[in-house]
Amino acid sequence: MDATRKLVNGTPSPTTSRGSVAAHPTTVIVTPFVIATAPPPLSVRPGHGHTTSLDAHPDGPRAGPSSCGAPLRAASWGRPQTPGRRTVAPGPQPHRPALVRLVVIGLVGGLMAGLFGVGGGLLMVPLLITFAGLDQRRAAAASLLAIVPTSVVGATGYALRGEVDVPVAALVAVGGVVGAHLGARLMRVLPRPWLRWMFITLLVAVAAYMAFVEPARGTQIDLTPGSGAGLLATGVVMGVTAGLFGVGGGLITVPALIVLFGAGDLVAKGTSLLVIVPTAIAGTWANHRGGQLDVRTGLVVGGCGTLASFGGVELAFLVPAHLSGVLFAALVMTSAVQLTIRTLRRRRRG
């Protein structure tokens, strides 16, 4: 005896006695264990590879496409099903950038970090957006995670050669923490377009100075009450600019230590990398708690950046001081151009 009886087009079969049937075409499948309903089959043209009825399959009834395009959930034996219930399509999977691209981005960022004493985010963030397909926030968060091991290795390489000033780094780092909080407050009250143009002008002036003035090598910073206060202020400016414009760290610390305090370029770079470490750790933790951190991307980029950072430190000691200044000036100008483009785009939007 066939355990499956059908009720089609609203006409009850002689064996069906319970319930009422809707007037529109509906298919009801009755089995010894479960009763399930399905919407009417789709009207399709023949020859397009679609099943037009539930019993078209040679092995018996099976769920076909629903009226909204989603497949029906198959009936479970021995468990009642809700009439008209449909499965929910899974949401989009998180984007996973190609491993080769992440490796290249990490190598470029790590080389720059070791050579210039900066975190590497200046290049990592736009590269992660352009070539890895991340949005601005996730790219910045992954870059910040990558900066942690890269800066640690870079600072270690400079320290092994006596080119890191730990007390100076501590003062700048303390000022940076204060500046980060101050920048968050200023962001709410100050007109940022004017601040952006002022900061861009400052970057251009720093680039010009670094391009035409050769920094001395082997000079240290003499700590006095005045220089200590100036270092704290440098850290505050670094934190404020990072909070307002997304640019800070070595891009501010290195030229400030050279221009304002007379430090050698190698000492300024090594000290800057040490300053970046606690700032990057704090920012990474905040991004992790906010759910913006792509750990896989950050670790891959950071691991490759760590390897390249060794080479960057070696290059920093091989490149002459004047050429090093010119290259750093080009880096600062790149940042100024990026900020200019962002400012003009926001101005056009409104």
C-alpha atoms as a PDB file:
ATOM      1  CA  MET A   1       0.000   0.000   0.000  1.00  0.00           C
ATOM      2  CA  ASP A   2       1.380   3.420  -0.957  1.00  0.00           C
ATOM      3  CA  ALA A   3       2.005   5.364   2.260  1.00  0.00           C
ATOM      4  CA  THR A   4       1.926   8.670   0.439  1.00  0.00           C
ATOM      5  CA  ARG A   5      -1.306  10.193  -0.759  1.00  0.00           C
ATOM      6  CA  LYS A   6      -1.604  13.566  -2.421  1.00  0.00           C
ATOM      7  CA  LEU A   7      -4.073  16.380  -2.320  1.00  0.00           C
ATOM      8  CA  VAL A   8      -3.672  18.606  -5.359  1.00  0.00           C
ATOM      9  CA  ASN A   9      -5.359  21.817  -6.598  1.00  0.00           C
ATOM     10  CA  GLY A  10      -7.563  22.140  -3.523  1.00  0.00           C
ATOM     11  CA  THR A  11      -9.574  18.945  -4.222  1.00  0.00           C
ATOM     12  CA  PRO A  12      -9.591  16.503  -1.309  1.00  0.00           C
ATOM     13  CA  SER A  13      -8.877  12.873  -2.060  1.00  0.00           C
ATOM     14  CA  PRO A  14     -11.302  10.233  -0.835  1.00  0.00           C
ATOM     15  CA  THR A  15      -8.878   9.126   1.852  1.00  0.00           C
ATOM     16  CA  THR A  16      -8.411  12.569   3.391  1.00  0.00           C
ATOM     17  CA  SER A  17     -10.927  13.499   6.049  1.00  0.00           C
ATOM     18  CA  ARG A  18      -9.191  15.956   8.431  1.00  0.00           C
ATOM     19  CA  GLY A  19      -8.830  19.704   7.993  1.00  0.00           C
ATOM     20  CA  SER A  20      -9.824  22.042   5.230  1.00  0.00           C
ATOM     21  CA  VAL A  21      -8.063  22.869   2.027  1.00  0.00           C
ATOM     22  CA  ALA A  22      -7.259  26.350   0.695  1.00  0.00           C
ATOM     23  CA  ALA A  23      -8.665  27.338  -2.639  1.00  0.00           C
ATOM     24  CA  HIS A  24      -5.304  28.138  -4.219  1.00  0.00           C
ATOM     25  CA  PRO A  25      -3.174  25.288  -5.550  1.00  0.00           C
ATOM     26  CA  THR A  26      -1.338  23.588  -2.703  1.00  0.00           C
ATOM     27  CA  THR A  27       0.415  20.263  -2.334  1.00  0.00           C
ATOM     28  CA  VAL A  28       0.068  18.309   0.897  1.00  0.00           C
ATOM     29  CA  ILE A  29       2.245  15.269   1.480  1.00  0.00           C
ATOM     30  CA  VAL A  30       0.782  12.793   3.980  1.00  0.00           C
ATOM     31  CA  THR A  31       3.039  10.074   5.392  1.00  0.00           C
ATOM     32  CA  PRO A  32       2.668   7.765   8.376  1.00  0.00           C
ATOM     33  CA  PHE A  33       4.892  10.074  10.470  1.00  0.00           C
ATOM     34  CA  VAL A  34       4.704  13.649   9.225  1.00  0.00           C
ATOM     35  CA  ILE A  35       2.432  16.060   7.446  1.00  0.00           C
ATOM     36  CA  ALA A  36       4.136  18.849   5.506  1.00  0.00           C
ATOM     37  CA  THR A  37       2.824  21.438   3.120  1.00  0.00           C
ATOM     38  CA  ALA A  38       4.586  23.014   0.189  1.00  0.00           C
ATOM     39  CA  PRO A  39       3.734  25.992  -2.034  1.00  0.00           C
ATOM     40  CA  PRO A  40       2.571  25.432  -5.594  1.00  0.00           C
ATOM     41  CA  PRO A  41       5.238  24.440  -8.076  1.00  0.00           C
ATOM     42  CA  LEU A  42       6.858  27.199 -10.068  1.00  0.00           C
ATOM     43  CA  SER A  43       5.568  27.832 -13.570  1.00  0.00           C
ATOM     44  CA  VAL A  44       8.617  27.453 -15.742  1.00  0.00           C
ATOM     45  CA  ARG A  45       9.248  26.943 -19.359  1.00  0.00           C
ATOM     46  CA  PRO A  46      10.407  23.493 -20.322  1.00  0.00           C
ATOM     47  CA  GLY A  47      13.986  23.013 -21.248  1.00  0.00           C
ATOM     48  CA  HIS A  48      15.436  25.183 -18.477  1.00  0.00           C
ATOM     49  CA  GLY A  49      16.406  22.399 -16.126  1.00  0.00           C
ATOM     50  CA  HIS A  50      13.701  23.110 -13.489  1.00  0.00           C
ATOM     51  CA  THR A  51      11.450  20.549 -11.792  1.00  0.00           C
ATOM     52  CA  THR A  52       7.794  21.488 -12.179  1.00  0.00           C
ATOM     53  CA  SER A  53       6.287  19.106  -9.611  1.00  0.00           C
ATOM     54  CA  LEU A  54       7.321  17.394  -6.445  1.00  0.00           C
ATOM     55  CA  ASP A  55       6.903  13.889  -7.811  1.00  0.00           C
ATOM     56  CA  ALA A  56       9.080  14.433 -10.874  1.00  0.00           C
ATOM     57  CA  HIS A  57      12.029  12.766  -9.198  1.00  0.00           C
ATOM     58  CA  PRO A  58      12.238   9.045  -9.991  1.00  0.00           C
ATOM     59  CA  ASP A  59      12.821   8.140  -6.364  1.00  0.00           C
ATOM     60  CA  GLY A  60       9.701   9.902  -5.111  1.00  0.00           C
ATOM     61  CA  PRO A  61       8.761  13.284  -3.710  1.00  0.00           C
ATOM     62  CA  ARG A  62      11.469  15.754  -2.810  1.00  0.00           C
ATOM     63  CA  ALA A  63      11.471  19.423  -1.883  1.00  0.00           C
ATOM     64  CA  GLY A  64      11.618  21.767  -4.828  1.00  0.00           C
ATOM     65  CA  PRO A  65      12.120  25.507  -5.038  1.00  0.00           C
ATOM     66  CA  SER A  66       9.822  27.716  -3.028  1.00  0.00           C
ATOM     67  CA  SER A  67       7.879  30.650  -4.342  1.00  0.00           C
ATOM     68  CA  CYS A  68      10.499  33.077  -3.020  1.00  0.00           C
ATOM     69  CA  GLY A  69      13.424  31.274  -4.599  1.00  0.00           C
ATOM     70  CA  ALA A  70      14.704  29.576  -1.402  1.00  0.00           C
ATOM     71  CA  PRO A  71      14.770  25.790  -1.057  1.00  0.00           C
ATOM     72  CA  LEU A  72      12.339  24.119   1.323  1.00  0.00           C
ATOM     73  CA  ARG A  73      13.640  22.449   4.454  1.00  0.00           C
ATOM     74  CA  ALA A  74      13.358  18.699   4.042  1.00  0.00           C
ATOM     75  CA  ALA A  75      10.815  17.055   6.327  1.00  0.00           C
ATOM     76  CA  SER A  76      12.292  15.160   9.249  1.00  0.00           C
ATOM     77  CA  TRP A  77      10.787  11.739   9.927  1.00  0.00           C
ATOM     78  CA  GLY A  78       9.008  11.458  13.208  1.00  0.00           C
ATOM     79  CA  ARG A  79       8.981  15.233  13.863  1.00  0.00           C
ATOM     80  CA  PRO A  80       6.097  17.564  12.995  1.00  0.00           C
ATOM     81  CA  GLN A  81       6.946  20.386  10.623  1.00  0.00           C
ATOM     82  CA  THR A  82       5.552  23.904  10.575  1.00  0.00           C
ATOM     83  CA  PRO A  83       3.516  24.446   7.396  1.00  0.00           C
ATOM     84  CA  GLY A  84       5.192  26.770   4.938  1.00  0.00           C
ATOM     85  CA  ARG A  85       8.486  26.789   6.852  1.00  0.00           C
ATOM     86  CA  ARG A  86      11.516  27.630   4.734  1.00  0.00           C
ATOM     87  CA  THR A  87      15.216  27.591   5.382  1.00  0.00           C
ATOM     88  CA  VAL A  88      17.087  30.840   5.869  1.00  0.00           C
ATOM     89  CA  ALA A  89      20.024  31.334   3.553  1.00  0.00           C
ATOM     90  CA  PRO A  90      23.337  31.713   5.410  1.00  0.00           C
ATOM     91  CA  GLY A  91      24.743  35.224   5.664  1.00  0.00           C
ATOM     92  CA  PRO A  92      27.792  36.376   3.708  1.00  0.00           C
ATOM     93  CA  GLN A  93      31.052  34.869   4.816  1.00  0.00           C
ATOM     94  CA  PRO A  94      33.769  37.287   6.042  1.00  0.00           C
ATOM     95  CA  HIS A  95      36.193  38.318   3.341  1.00  0.00           C
ATOM     96  CA  ARG A  96      39.507  36.437   3.479  1.00  0.00           C
ATOM     97  CA  PRO A  97      42.241  38.213   1.523  1.00  0.00           C
ATOM     98  CA  ALA A  98      44.611  36.137  -0.612  1.00  0.00           C
ATOM     99  CA  LEU A  99      47.637  34.938   1.328  1.00  0.00           C
ATOM    100  CA  VAL A 100      50.140  36.025  -1.318  1.00  0.00           C
ATOM    101  CA  ARG A 101      48.881  39.602  -1.229  1.00  0.00           C
ATOM    102  CA  LEU A 102      49.086  39.723   2.548  1.00  0.00           C
ATOM    103  CA  VAL A 103      52.664  38.466   2.410  1.00  0.00           C
ATOM    104  CA  VAL A 104      53.665  41.207  -0.050  1.00  0.00           C
ATOM    105  CA  ILE A 105      51.923  43.900   2.012  1.00  0.00           C
ATOM    106  CA  GLY A 106      53.690  42.706   5.162  1.00  0.00           C
ATOM    107  CA  LEU A 107      57.097  42.710   3.499  1.00  0.00           C
ATOM    108  CA  VAL A 108      56.624  46.257   2.199  1.00  0.00           C
ATOM    109  CA  GLY A 109      55.354  47.574   5.543  1.00  0.00           C
ATOM    110  CA  GLY A 110      58.079  45.848   7.549  1.00  0.00           C
ATOM    111  CA  LEU A 111      60.845  47.147   5.302  1.00  0.00           C
ATOM    112  CA  MET A 112      59.520  50.677   5.668  1.00  0.00           C
ATOM    113  CA  ALA A 113      59.208  50.329   9.438  1.00  0.00           C
ATOM    114  CA  GLY A 114      62.815  49.244   9.867  1.00  0.00           C
ATOM    115  CA  LEU A 115      64.205  51.771   7.404  1.00  0.00           C
ATOM    116  CA  PHE A 116      62.321  54.870   8.558  1.00  0.00           C
ATOM    117  CA  GLY A 117      61.406  54.102  12.177  1.00  0.00           C
ATOM    118  CA  VAL A 118      57.663  54.310  11.524  1.00  0.00           C
ATOM    119  CA  GLY A 119      54.965  51.754  12.185  1.00  0.00           C
ATOM    120  CA  GLY A 120      54.319  50.961   8.548  1.00  0.00           C
ATOM    121  CA  GLY A 121      50.605  51.723   8.661  1.00  0.00           C
ATOM    122  CA  LEU A 122      51.070  54.605   6.225  1.00  0.00           C
ATOM    123  CA  LEU A 123      51.482  52.059   3.437  1.00  0.00           C
ATOM    124  CA  MET A 124      49.814  49.012   4.991  1.00  0.00           C
ATOM    125  CA  VAL A 125      46.377  50.596   5.330  1.00  0.00           C
ATOM    126  CA  PRO A 126      45.963  51.766   1.693  1.00  0.00           C
ATOM    127  CA  LEU A 127      47.489  48.493   0.434  1.00  0.00           C
ATOM    128  CA  LEU A 128      45.079  46.417   2.531  1.00  0.00           C
ATOM    129  CA  ILE A 129      42.170  48.455   1.179  1.00  0.00           C
ATOM    130  CA  THR A 130      43.276  48.381  -2.462  1.00  0.00           C
ATOM    131  CA  PHE A 131      44.736  44.891  -2.854  1.00  0.00           C
ATOM    132  CA  ALA A 132      43.253  42.896   0.038  1.00  0.00           C
ATOM    133  CA  GLY A 133      39.700  44.236  -0.246  1.00  0.00           C
ATOM    134  CA  LEU A 134      39.310  45.327   3.392  1.00  0.00           C
ATOM    135  CA  ASP A 135      37.291  48.354   4.429  1.00  0.00           C
ATOM    136  CA  GLN A 136      38.941  51.321   6.131  1.00  0.00           C
ATOM    137  CA  ARG A 137      38.296  50.252   9.721  1.00  0.00           C
ATOM    138  CA  ARG A 138      39.305  46.618   9.337  1.00  0.00           C
ATOM    139  CA  ALA A 139      42.400  47.619   7.360  1.00  0.00           C
ATOM    140  CA  ALA A 140      43.478  50.053  10.076  1.00  0.00           C
ATOM    141  CA  ALA A 141      42.839  47.460  12.801  1.00  0.00           C
ATOM    142  CA  ALA A 142      44.783  44.720  10.982  1.00  0.00           C
ATOM    143  CA  SER A 143      47.617  47.160  10.290  1.00  0.00           C
ATOM    144  CA  LEU A 144      47.809  48.106  13.961  1.00  0.00           C
ATOM    145  CA  LEU A 145      48.091  44.453  14.976  1.00  0.00           C
ATOM    146  CA  ALA A 146      50.825  43.918  12.375  1.00  0.00           C
ATOM    147  CA  ILE A 147      52.728  46.936  13.692  1.00  0.00           C
ATOM    148  CA  VAL A 148      53.184  45.357  17.151  1.00  0.00           C
ATOM    149  CA  PRO A 149      55.710  42.593  16.247  1.00  0.00           C
ATOM    150  CA  THR A 150      57.210  44.694  13.461  1.00  0.00           C
ATOM    151  CA  SER A 151      57.992  47.573  15.827  1.00  0.00           C
ATOM    152  CA  VAL A 152      59.300  45.254  18.540  1.00  0.00           C
ATOM    153  CA  VAL A 153      61.782  43.627  16.161  1.00  0.00           C
ATOM    154  CA  GLY A 154      62.772  46.950  14.624  1.00  0.00           C
ATOM    155  CA  ALA A 155      63.349  48.597  18.001  1.00  0.00           C
ATOM    156  CA  THR A 156      65.385  45.567  19.102  1.00  0.00           C
ATOM    157  CA  GLY A 157      67.588  45.846  16.015  1.00  0.00           C
ATOM    158  CA  TYR A 158      68.320  49.509  16.752  1.00  0.00           C
ATOM    159  CA  ALA A 159      68.796  48.850  20.474  1.00  0.00           C
ATOM    160  CA  LEU A 160      71.410  46.155  19.834  1.00  0.00           C
ATOM    161  CA  ARG A 161      73.489  48.875  18.147  1.00  0.00           C
ATOM    162  CA  GLY A 162      72.920  51.444  20.861  1.00  0.00           C
ATOM    163  CA  GLU A 163      70.500  53.598  18.858  1.00  0.00           C
ATOM    164  CA  VAL A 164      67.500  53.632  21.231  1.00  0.00           C
ATOM    165  CA  ASP A 165      66.986  56.169  24.032  1.00  0.00           C
ATOM    166  CA  VAL A 166      64.655  54.449  26.518  1.00  0.00           C
ATOM    167  CA  PRO A 167      63.983  57.456  28.848  1.00  0.00           C
ATOM    168  CA  VAL A 168      63.110  59.625  25.845  1.00  0.00           C
ATOM    169  CA  ALA A 169      60.798  56.930  24.503  1.00  0.00           C
ATOM    170  CA  ALA A 170      59.045  56.683  27.877  1.00  0.00           C
ATOM    171  CA  LEU A 171      58.362  60.426  28.024  1.00  0.00           C
ATOM    172  CA  VAL A 172      57.029  60.557  24.474  1.00  0.00           C
ATOM    173  CA  ALA A 173      54.847  57.488  25.077  1.00  0.00           C
ATOM    174  CA  VAL A 174      53.281  59.045  28.192  1.00  0.00           C
ATOM    175  CA  GLY A 175      52.519  62.197  26.243  1.00  0.00           C
ATOM    176  CA  GLY A 176      51.057  60.069  23.453  1.00  0.00           C
ATOM    177  CA  VAL A 177      48.540  58.463  25.829  1.00  0.00           C
ATOM    178  CA  VAL A 178      47.421  61.890  27.012  1.00  0.00           C
ATOM    179  CA  GLY A 179      47.270  63.178  23.464  1.00  0.00           C
ATOM    180  CA  ALA A 180      45.118  60.285  22.297  1.00  0.00           C
ATOM    181  CA  HIS A 181      42.434  61.119  24.868  1.00  0.00           C
ATOM    182  CA  LEU A 182      42.737  64.834  24.085  1.00  0.00           C
ATOM    183  CA  GLY A 183      42.420  64.141  20.368  1.00  0.00           C
ATOM    184  CA  ALA A 184      39.214  62.202  20.954  1.00  0.00           C
ATOM    185  CA  ARG A 185      37.739  65.214  22.761  1.00  0.00           C
ATOM    186  CA  LEU A 186      38.960  67.769  20.228  1.00  0.00           C
ATOM    187  CA  MET A 187      37.429  65.747  17.412  1.00  0.00           C
ATOM    188  CA  ARG A 188      33.973  66.616  18.759  1.00  0.00           C
ATOM    189  CA  VAL A 189      34.416  70.378  19.085  1.00  0.00           C
ATOM    190  CA  LEU A 190      37.045  71.619  16.616  1.00  0.00           C
ATOM    191  CA  PRO A 191      36.429  72.249  12.897  1.00  0.00           C
ATOM    192  CA  ARG A 192      38.469  69.475  11.385  1.00  0.00           C
ATOM    193  CA  PRO A 193      38.807  70.856   7.824  1.00  0.00           C
ATOM    194  CA  TRP A 194      40.905  73.771   9.063  1.00  0.00           C
ATOM    195  CA  LEU A 195      42.951  71.485  11.275  1.00  0.00           C
ATOM    196  CA  ARG A 196      43.581  69.176   8.337  1.00  0.00           C
ATOM    197  CA  TRP A 197      44.934  71.969   6.165  1.00  0.00           C
ATOM    198  CA  MET A 198      47.145  73.208   8.999  1.00  0.00           C
ATOM    199  CA  PHE A 199      48.505  69.720   9.549  1.00  0.00           C
ATOM    200  CA  ILE A 200      49.114  69.215   5.831  1.00  0.00           C
ATOM    201  CA  THR A 201      51.058  72.468   5.769  1.00  0.00           C
ATOM    202  CA  LEU A 202      53.140  71.258   8.715  1.00  0.00           C
ATOM    203  CA  LEU A 203      53.900  67.977   6.937  1.00  0.00           C
ATOM    204  CA  VAL A 204      55.054  69.805   3.811  1.00  0.00           C
ATOM    205  CA  ALA A 205      57.353  72.019   5.902  1.00  0.00           C
ATOM    206  CA  VAL A 206      58.818  68.983   7.692  1.00  0.00           C
ATOM    207  CA  ALA A 207      59.369  67.222   4.363  1.00  0.00           C
ATOM    208  CA  ALA A 208      61.209  70.251   2.996  1.00  0.00           C
ATOM    209  CA  TYR A 209      63.437  70.442   6.065  1.00  0.00           C
ATOM    210  CA  MET A 210      64.256  66.719   6.015  1.00  0.00           C
ATOM    211  CA  ALA A 211      65.061  66.855   2.293  1.00  0.00           C
ATOM    212  CA  PHE A 212      67.565  69.706   2.470  1.00  0.00           C
ATOM    213  CA  VAL A 213      69.115  69.421   5.960  1.00  0.00           C
ATOM    214  CA  GLU A 214      71.385  66.471   6.640  1.00  0.00           C
ATOM    215  CA  PRO A 215      70.853  65.113  10.178  1.00  0.00           C
ATOM    216  CA  ALA A 216      73.857  64.318  12.339  1.00  0.00           C
ATOM    217  CA  ARG A 217      74.530  60.758  13.406  1.00  0.00           C
ATOM    218  CA  GLY A 218      75.611  59.470  16.776  1.00  0.00           C
ATOM    219  CA  THR A 219      74.152  62.371  18.775  1.00  0.00           C
ATOM    220  CA  GLN A 220      71.976  61.771  21.829  1.00  0.00           C
ATOM    221  CA  ILE A 221      69.321  63.903  23.521  1.00  0.00           C
ATOM    222  CA  ASP A 222      70.342  65.635  26.748  1.00  0.00           C
ATOM    223  CA  LEU A 223      67.517  65.257  29.244  1.00  0.00           C
ATOM    224  CA  THR A 224      66.787  68.463  31.140  1.00  0.00           C
ATOM    225  CA  PRO A 225      63.557  69.746  32.678  1.00  0.00           C
ATOM    226  CA  GLY A 226      62.968  71.780  29.529  1.00  0.00           C
ATOM    227  CA  SER A 227      63.702  68.948  27.104  1.00  0.00           C
ATOM    228  CA  GLY A 228      61.615  66.571  29.232  1.00  0.00           C
ATOM    229  CA  ALA A 229      58.615  68.890  28.992  1.00  0.00           C
ATOM    230  CA  GLY A 230      59.205  69.231  25.258  1.00  0.00           C
ATOM    231  CA  LEU A 231      59.249  65.452  24.833  1.00  0.00           C
ATOM    232  CA  LEU A 232      55.973  65.144  26.706  1.00  0.00           C
ATOM    233  CA  ALA A 233      54.513  67.820  24.441  1.00  0.00           C
ATOM    234  CA  THR A 234      55.798  65.925  21.390  1.00  0.00           C
ATOM    235  CA  GLY A 235      53.972  62.850  22.593  1.00  0.00           C
ATOM    236  CA  VAL A 236      50.794  64.847  23.101  1.00  0.00           C
ATOM    237  CA  VAL A 237      50.981  66.210  19.532  1.00  0.00           C
ATOM    238  CA  MET A 238      51.613  62.685  18.243  1.00  0.00           C
ATOM    239  CA  GLY A 239      48.546  61.357  20.056  1.00  0.00           C
ATOM    240  CA  VAL A 240      46.324  64.242  18.961  1.00  0.00           C
ATOM    241  CA  THR A 241      47.260  63.921  15.285  1.00  0.00           C
ATOM    242  CA  ALA A 242      46.734  60.186  15.406  1.00  0.00           C
ATOM    243  CA  GLY A 243      43.273  60.674  16.900  1.00  0.00           C
ATOM    244  CA  LEU A 244      42.243  63.461  14.530  1.00  0.00           C
ATOM    245  CA  PHE A 245      43.801  62.426  11.236  1.00  0.00           C
ATOM    246  CA  GLY A 246      44.853  58.790  11.597  1.00  0.00           C
ATOM    247  CA  VAL A 247      48.498  59.814  11.116  1.00  0.00           C
ATOM    248  CA  GLY A 248      50.983  59.784  13.934  1.00  0.00           C
ATOM    249  CA  GLY A 249      53.646  57.605  15.484  1.00  0.00           C
ATOM    250  CA  GLY A 250      56.969  57.728  13.720  1.00  0.00           C
ATOM    251  CA  LEU A 251      55.802  60.253  11.157  1.00  0.00           C
ATOM    252  CA  ILE A 252      55.676  62.836  13.969  1.00  0.00           C
ATOM    253  CA  THR A 253      58.245  61.456  16.417  1.00  0.00           C
ATOM    254  CA  VAL A 254      61.211  60.990  14.061  1.00  0.00           C
ATOM    255  CA  PRO A 255      61.315  64.527  12.584  1.00  0.00           C
ATOM    256  CA  ALA A 256      60.488  66.076  15.972  1.00  0.00           C
ATOM    257  CA  LEU A 257      63.409  64.339  17.674  1.00  0.00           C
ATOM    258  CA  ILE A 258      65.746  65.374  14.846  1.00  0.00           C
ATOM    259  CA  VAL A 259      64.570  68.943  14.301  1.00  0.00           C
ATOM    260  CA  LEU A 260      63.612  70.024  17.842  1.00  0.00           C
ATOM    261  CA  PHE A 261      65.977  68.014  20.028  1.00  0.00           C
ATOM    262  CA  GLY A 262      69.009  67.481  17.801  1.00  0.00           C
ATOM    263  CA  ALA A 263      68.937  63.686  17.882  1.00  0.00           C
ATOM    264  CA  GLY A 264      70.727  61.654  15.239  1.00  0.00           C
ATOM    265  CA  ASP A 265      68.512  60.075  12.620  1.00  0.00           C
ATOM    266  CA  LEU A 266      69.265  56.512  13.773  1.00  0.00           C
ATOM    267  CA  VAL A 267      68.520  57.311  17.426  1.00  0.00           C
ATOM    268  CA  ALA A 268      65.299  59.045  16.382  1.00  0.00           C
ATOM    269  CA  LYS A 269      64.176  56.014  14.353  1.00  0.00           C
ATOM    270  CA  GLY A 270      65.013  53.440  17.027  1.00  0.00           C
ATOM    271  CA  THR A 271      63.372  55.499  19.775  1.00  0.00           C
ATOM    272  CA  SER A 272      60.302  56.086  17.621  1.00  0.00           C
ATOM    273  CA  LEU A 273      59.805  52.341  17.100  1.00  0.00           C
ATOM    274  CA  LEU A 274      59.957  51.787  20.856  1.00  0.00           C
ATOM    275  CA  VAL A 275      57.331  54.500  21.380  1.00  0.00           C
ATOM    276  CA  ILE A 276      55.011  52.858  18.863  1.00  0.00           C
ATOM    277  CA  VAL A 277      54.907  49.468  20.660  1.00  0.00           C
ATOM    278  CA  PRO A 278      52.663  50.315  23.659  1.00  0.00           C
ATOM    279  CA  THR A 279      50.456  52.538  21.513  1.00  0.00           C
ATOM    280  CA  ALA A 280      49.898  49.743  18.984  1.00  0.00           C
ATOM    281  CA  ILE A 281      49.163  47.202  21.724  1.00  0.00           C
ATOM    282  CA  ALA A 282      46.544  49.458  23.332  1.00  0.00           C
ATOM    283  CA  GLY A 283      44.921  50.211  19.982  1.00  0.00           C
ATOM    284  CA  THR A 284      44.867  46.538  18.995  1.00  0.00           C
ATOM    285  CA  TRP A 285      43.142  45.566  22.227  1.00  0.00           C
ATOM    286  CA  ALA A 286      40.514  48.264  21.691  1.00  0.00           C
ATOM    287  CA  ASN A 287      39.910  47.065  18.121  1.00  0.00           C
ATOM    288  CA  HIS A 288      39.591  43.480  19.312  1.00  0.00           C
ATOM    289  CA  ARG A 289      36.964  44.421  21.882  1.00  0.00           C
ATOM    290  CA  GLY A 290      35.113  46.427  19.250  1.00  0.00           C
ATOM    291  CA  GLY A 291      34.969  43.458  16.869  1.00  0.00           C
ATOM    292  CA  GLN A 292      36.918  45.219  14.103  1.00  0.00           C
ATOM    293  CA  LEU A 293      40.063  43.066  14.207  1.00  0.00           C
ATOM    294  CA  ASP A 294      40.832  40.542  11.463  1.00  0.00           C
ATOM    295  CA  VAL A 295      43.313  38.444  13.428  1.00  0.00           C
ATOM    296  CA  ARG A 296      44.391  36.244  10.520  1.00  0.00           C
ATOM    297  CA  THR A 297      45.200  39.217   8.305  1.00  0.00           C
ATOM    298  CA  GLY A 298      47.028  41.055  11.072  1.00  0.00           C
ATOM    299  CA  LEU A 299      49.138  38.042  12.025  1.00  0.00           C
ATOM    300  CA  VAL A 300      50.114  37.210   8.443  1.00  0.00           C
ATOM    301  CA  VAL A 301      51.036  40.806   7.639  1.00  0.00           C
ATOM    302  CA  GLY A 302      52.805  41.211  10.983  1.00  0.00           C
ATOM    303  CA  GLY A 303      54.772  37.988  10.615  1.00  0.00           C
ATOM    304  CA  CYS A 304      56.050  38.955   7.178  1.00  0.00           C
ATOM    305  CA  GLY A 305      56.642  42.512   8.346  1.00  0.00           C
ATOM    306  CA  THR A 306      58.761  41.197  11.204  1.00  0.00           C
ATOM    307  CA  LEU A 307      61.062  39.381   8.786  1.00  0.00           C
ATOM    308  CA  ALA A 308      61.358  42.414   6.519  1.00  0.00           C
ATOM    309  CA  SER A 309      62.008  44.716   9.468  1.00  0.00           C
ATOM    310  CA  PHE A 310      65.439  43.114   9.957  1.00  0.00           C
ATOM    311  CA  GLY A 311      66.365  44.102   6.425  1.00  0.00           C
ATOM    312  CA  GLY A 312      64.981  47.597   6.927  1.00  0.00           C
ATOM    313  CA  VAL A 313      67.180  48.155   9.989  1.00  0.00           C
ATOM    314  CA  GLU A 314      70.239  46.967   8.096  1.00  0.00           C
ATOM    315  CA  LEU A 315      69.428  49.364   5.247  1.00  0.00           C
ATOM    316  CA  ALA A 316      69.028  52.243   7.697  1.00  0.00           C
ATOM    317  CA  PHE A 317      72.642  51.809   8.801  1.00  0.00           C
ATOM    318  CA  LEU A 318      73.902  51.475   5.224  1.00  0.00           C
ATOM    319  CA  VAL A 319      72.060  54.421   3.660  1.00  0.00           C
ATOM    320  CA  PRO A 320      73.895  57.761   4.054  1.00  0.00           C
ATOM    321  CA  ALA A 321      72.273  60.302   6.361  1.00  0.00           C
ATOM    322  CA  HIS A 322      71.423  62.773   3.592  1.00  0.00           C
ATOM    323  CA  LEU A 323      69.804  60.126   1.375  1.00  0.00           C
ATOM    324  CA  SER A 324      67.936  58.833   4.411  1.00  0.00           C
ATOM    325  CA  GLY A 325      66.565  62.338   4.991  1.00  0.00           C
ATOM    326  CA  VAL A 326      65.450  62.663   1.373  1.00  0.00           C
ATOM    327  CA  LEU A 327      63.679  59.297   1.482  1.00  0.00           C
ATOM    328  CA  PHE A 328      61.954  60.203   4.739  1.00  0.00           C
ATOM    329  CA  ALA A 329      60.869  63.518   3.198  1.00  0.00           C
ATOM    330  CA  ALA A 330      59.291  61.565   0.330  1.00  0.00           C
ATOM    331  CA  LEU A 331      57.458  59.429   2.879  1.00  0.00           C
ATOM    332  CA  VAL A 332      56.119  62.523   4.673  1.00  0.00           C
ATOM    333  CA  MET A 333      55.013  64.044   1.365  1.00  0.00           C
ATOM    334  CA  THR A 334      53.166  60.817   0.543  1.00  0.00           C
ATOM    335  CA  SER A 335      51.240  61.191   3.782  1.00  0.00           C
ATOM    336  CA  ALA A 336      50.508  64.858   3.009  1.00  0.00           C
ATOM    337  CA  VAL A 337      49.147  63.921  -0.432  1.00  0.00           C
ATOM    338  CA  GLN A 338      46.932  61.212   1.051  1.00  0.00           C
ATOM    339  CA  LEU A 339      45.488  63.630   3.606  1.00  0.00           C
ATOM    340  CA  THR A 340      44.913  66.239   0.898  1.00  0.00           C
ATOM    341  CA  ILE A 341      42.979  63.757  -1.251  1.00  0.00           C
ATOM    342  CA  ARG A 342      40.849  62.691   1.721  1.00  0.00           C
ATOM    343  CA  THR A 343      40.100  66.314   2.625  1.00  0.00           C
ATOM    344  CA  LEU A 344      39.072  67.220  -0.926  1.00  0.00           C
ATOM    345  CA  ARG A 345      36.819  64.172  -1.207  1.00  0.00           C
ATOM    346  CA  ARG A 346      35.039  65.012   2.031  1.00  0.00           C
ATOM    347  CA  ARG A 347      34.640  68.588   0.899  1.00  0.00           C
ATOM    348  CA  ARG A 348      32.942  67.433  -2.316  1.00  0.00           C
ATOM    349  CA  ARG A 349      30.587  65.169  -0.400  1.00  0.00           C
ATOM    350  CA  GLY A 350      29.302  67.977   1.560  1.00  0.00           C
END
